C-alpha atoms as a PDB file:
ATOM      1  CA  MET A   1       0.000   0.000   0.000  1.00  0.00           C
ATOM      2  CA  THR A   2       1.349   3.403  -0.961  1.00  0.00           C
ATOM      3  CA  ILE A   3       0.225   6.719   0.446  1.00  0.00           C
ATOM      4  CA  GLN A   4       1.740   9.550  -1.570  1.00  0.00           C
ATOM      5  CA  GLY A   5       1.826  13.190  -0.580  1.00  0.00           C
ATOM      6  CA  LYS A   6      -0.709  15.479  -2.187  1.00  0.00           C
ATOM      7  CA  PRO A   7       0.355  18.770  -3.704  1.00  0.00           C
ATOM      8  CA  THR A   8      -0.166  21.690  -1.375  1.00  0.00           C
ATOM      9  CA  SER A   9      -2.563  24.425  -2.429  1.00  0.00           C
ATOM     10  CA  SER A  10      -0.493  27.254  -0.958  1.00  0.00           C
ATOM     11  CA  ALA A  11       1.156  29.740  -3.262  1.00  0.00           C
ATOM     12  CA  GLY A  12       4.706  28.833  -4.127  1.00  0.00           C
ATOM     13  CA  PRO A  13       6.811  27.196  -6.785  1.00  0.00           C
ATOM     14  CA  SER A  14       5.377  24.340  -8.837  1.00  0.00           C
ATOM     15  CA  LEU A  15       7.507  21.273  -8.076  1.00  0.00           C
ATOM     16  CA  THR A  16       7.529  18.076 -10.123  1.00  0.00           C
ATOM     17  CA  TYR A  17       8.208  14.746  -8.391  1.00  0.00           C
ATOM     18  CA  VAL A  18      11.165  12.867  -9.912  1.00  0.00           C
ATOM     19  CA  GLU A  19      11.570   9.151  -9.064  1.00  0.00           C
ATOM     20  CA  ARG A  20      15.218   8.078  -8.571  1.00  0.00           C
ATOM     21  CA  PRO A  21      15.333   4.265  -8.548  1.00  0.00           C
ATOM     22  CA  GLU A  22      19.094   4.252  -7.864  1.00  0.00           C
ATOM     23  CA  ILE A  23      18.491   5.497  -4.296  1.00  0.00           C
ATOM     24  CA  ALA A  24      18.894   2.513  -1.978  1.00  0.00           C
ATOM     25  CA  GLU A  25      16.113   1.479   0.383  1.00  0.00           C
ATOM     26  CA  THR A  26      17.118   1.174   4.034  1.00  0.00           C
ATOM     27  CA  TYR A  27      15.425  -1.262   6.407  1.00  0.00           C
ATOM     28  CA  ALA A  28      15.094  -0.379  10.091  1.00  0.00           C
ATOM     29  CA  ASP A  29      13.671  -2.371  12.991  1.00  0.00           C
ATOM     30  CA  TYR A  30      13.050   0.565  15.282  1.00  0.00           C
ATOM     31  CA  LEU A  31      13.025   4.347  15.602  1.00  0.00           C
ATOM     32  CA  GLU A  32      15.644   4.849  18.315  1.00  0.00           C
ATOM     33  CA  THR A  33      15.757   8.623  18.742  1.00  0.00           C
ATOM     34  CA  VAL A  34      13.679  11.653  17.783  1.00  0.00           C
ATOM     35  CA  VAL A  35      15.038  15.122  18.529  1.00  0.00           C
ATOM     36  CA  PHE A  36      13.632  18.563  17.765  1.00  0.00           C
ATOM     37  CA  ASP A  37      16.434  21.133  17.538  1.00  0.00           C
ATOM     38  CA  GLY A  38      14.245  24.212  17.125  1.00  0.00           C
ATOM     39  CA  THR A  39      13.935  24.035  13.337  1.00  0.00           C
ATOM     40  CA  SER A  40      14.162  20.372  12.310  1.00  0.00           C
ATOM     41  CA  ILE A  41      13.170  16.905  13.467  1.00  0.00           C
ATOM     42  CA  ARG A  42      16.111  14.482  13.609  1.00  0.00           C
ATOM     43  CA  MET A  43      15.386  10.758  13.643  1.00  0.00           C
ATOM     44  CA  GLU A  44      17.765   7.854  14.059  1.00  0.00           C
ATOM     45  CA  PHE A  45      16.649   4.418  12.882  1.00  0.00           C
ATOM     46  CA  VAL A  46      18.330   1.209  14.024  1.00  0.00           C
ATOM     47  CA  VAL A  47      18.471  -2.478  13.141  1.00  0.00           C
ATOM     48  CA  ASN A  48      18.781  -5.278  15.674  1.00  0.00           C
ATOM     49  CA  ARG A  49      21.872  -7.458  15.386  1.00  0.00           C
ATOM     50  CA  PHE A  50      21.832 -10.528  17.600  1.00  0.00           C
ATOM     51  CA  ASP A  51      24.828 -12.410  18.946  1.00  0.00           C
ATOM     52  CA  ARG A  52      25.172 -16.126  18.300  1.00  0.00           C
ATOM     53  CA  PRO A  53      22.833 -18.135  20.510  1.00  0.00           C
ATOM     54  CA  ASN A  54      24.433 -19.540  23.633  1.00  0.00           C
ATOM     55  CA  ALA A  55      22.579 -22.001  25.867  1.00  0.00           C
ATOM     56  CA  GLN A  56      24.445 -20.630  28.890  1.00  0.00           C
ATOM     57  CA  LYS A  57      23.314 -17.009  28.442  1.00  0.00           C
ATOM     58  CA  ALA A  58      20.183 -15.013  27.745  1.00  0.00           C
ATOM     59  CA  PRO A  59      19.875 -13.786  24.139  1.00  0.00           C
ATOM     60  CA  SER A  60      21.887 -10.637  23.521  1.00  0.00           C
ATOM     61  CA  GLY A  61      22.791  -8.288  20.734  1.00  0.00           C
ATOM     62  CA  ARG A  62      23.050  -4.671  19.681  1.00  0.00           C
ATOM     63  CA  ARG A  63      20.955  -1.939  18.117  1.00  0.00           C
ATOM     64  CA  VAL A  64      23.000  -0.557  15.242  1.00  0.00           C
ATOM     65  CA  THR A  65      22.339   2.734  13.459  1.00  0.00           C
ATOM     66  CA  ALA A  66      20.905   2.066   9.990  1.00  0.00           C
ATOM     67  CA  ALA A  67      19.871   5.580   8.928  1.00  0.00           C
ATOM     68  CA  ARG A  68      19.473   9.141  10.126  1.00  0.00           C
ATOM     69  CA  LEU A  69      16.743  11.351   8.696  1.00  0.00           C
ATOM     70  CA  VAL A  70      16.395  15.095   9.216  1.00  0.00           C
ATOM     71  CA  LEU A  71      13.146  16.839   8.245  1.00  0.00           C
ATOM     72  CA  PRO A  72      12.065  20.454   8.542  1.00  0.00           C
ATOM     73  CA  MET A  73       8.866  20.954  10.530  1.00  0.00           C
ATOM     74  CA  HIS A  74       6.632  20.992   7.440  1.00  0.00           C
ATOM     75  CA  GLY A  75       8.242  17.720   6.266  1.00  0.00           C
ATOM     76  CA  ALA A  76       7.710  16.141   9.690  1.00  0.00           C
ATOM     77  CA  ALA A  77       4.061  17.276   9.653  1.00  0.00           C
ATOM     78  CA  ASN A  78       3.655  15.726   6.198  1.00  0.00           C
ATOM     79  CA  LEU A  79       5.236  12.465   7.421  1.00  0.00           C
ATOM     80  CA  ALA A  80       2.902  12.359  10.431  1.00  0.00           C
ATOM     81  CA  SER A  81      -0.129  13.044   8.230  1.00  0.00           C
ATOM     82  CA  GLN A  82       0.751  10.277   5.762  1.00  0.00           C
ATOM     83  CA  LEU A  83       1.506   7.756   8.524  1.00  0.00           C
ATOM     84  CA  ASN A  84      -1.800   8.591  10.226  1.00  0.00           C
ATOM     85  CA  SER A  85      -3.626   8.058   6.914  1.00  0.00           C
ATOM     86  CA  LEU A  86      -1.874   4.735   6.362  1.00  0.00           C
ATOM     87  CA  LEU A  87      -2.629   3.514   9.905  1.00  0.00           C
ATOM     88  CA  ALA A  88      -6.276   4.591   9.596  1.00  0.00           C
ATOM     89  CA  THR A  89      -6.588   2.658   6.328  1.00  0.00           C
ATOM     90  CA  LEU A  90      -4.983  -0.423   7.865  1.00  0.00           C
ATOM     91  CA  ARG A  91      -7.343  -0.187  10.859  1.00  0.00           C
ATOM     92  CA  GLU A  92     -10.351  -0.015   8.535  1.00  0.00           C
ATOM     93  CA  GLN A  93      -9.140  -3.117   6.703  1.00  0.00           C
ATOM     94  CA  ASP A  94      -8.393  -4.953   9.966  1.00  0.00           C
ATOM     95  CA  SER A  95      -4.869  -5.446   8.637  1.00  0.00           C
ATOM     96  CA  ILE A  96      -3.209  -4.355  11.831  1.00  0.00           C
ATOM     97  CA  ASP A  97      -3.656  -5.441  15.426  1.00  0.00           C
ATOM     98  CA  ASP A  98      -3.618  -3.361  18.609  1.00  0.00           C
ATOM     99  CA  VAL A  99      -0.119  -4.444  19.654  1.00  0.00           C
ATOM    100  CA  MET A 100       1.340  -3.301  16.356  1.00  0.00           C
ATOM    101  CA  LEU A 101      -0.389   0.073  16.713  1.00  0.00           C
ATOM    102  CA  ILE A 102       0.972   0.533  20.228  1.00  0.00           C
ATOM    103  CA  GLN A 103       4.493  -0.286  19.037  1.00  0.00           C
ATOM    104  CA  SER A 104       4.246   2.177  16.165  1.00  0.00           C
ATOM    105  CA  HIS A 105       3.639   4.952  18.709  1.00  0.00           C
ATOM    106  CA  GLY A 106       6.649   3.981  20.833  1.00  0.00           C
ATOM    107  CA  GLY A 107       4.476   2.585  23.639  1.00  0.00           C
ATOM    108  CA  ILE A 108       6.169  -0.800  23.848  1.00  0.00           C
ATOM    109  CA  ASN A 109       9.864  -1.602  23.428  1.00  0.00           C
END
């Protein structure tokens, strides 16, 4: 399912979307950090890397930085709006359960 941003109706330059397939996709398991610095939202995404299983110890591993994303406030508002639309659509289709929704809001680690 794809939710794409809609053009804004405010006065300003007319911008054309250009797809760049050479840009790599980055997978992340978790949003580790969100910081507002006064002008931008900075997010750090991580992946889980587990150590080899050992019957003598509890499972262990590391959270490793996979990507950092910095958005101006209007970009962060657009991201929030699109994620809310996607989650609402998934709720309507019963494609998502309550636990997954709680995790997406940072309520459960």
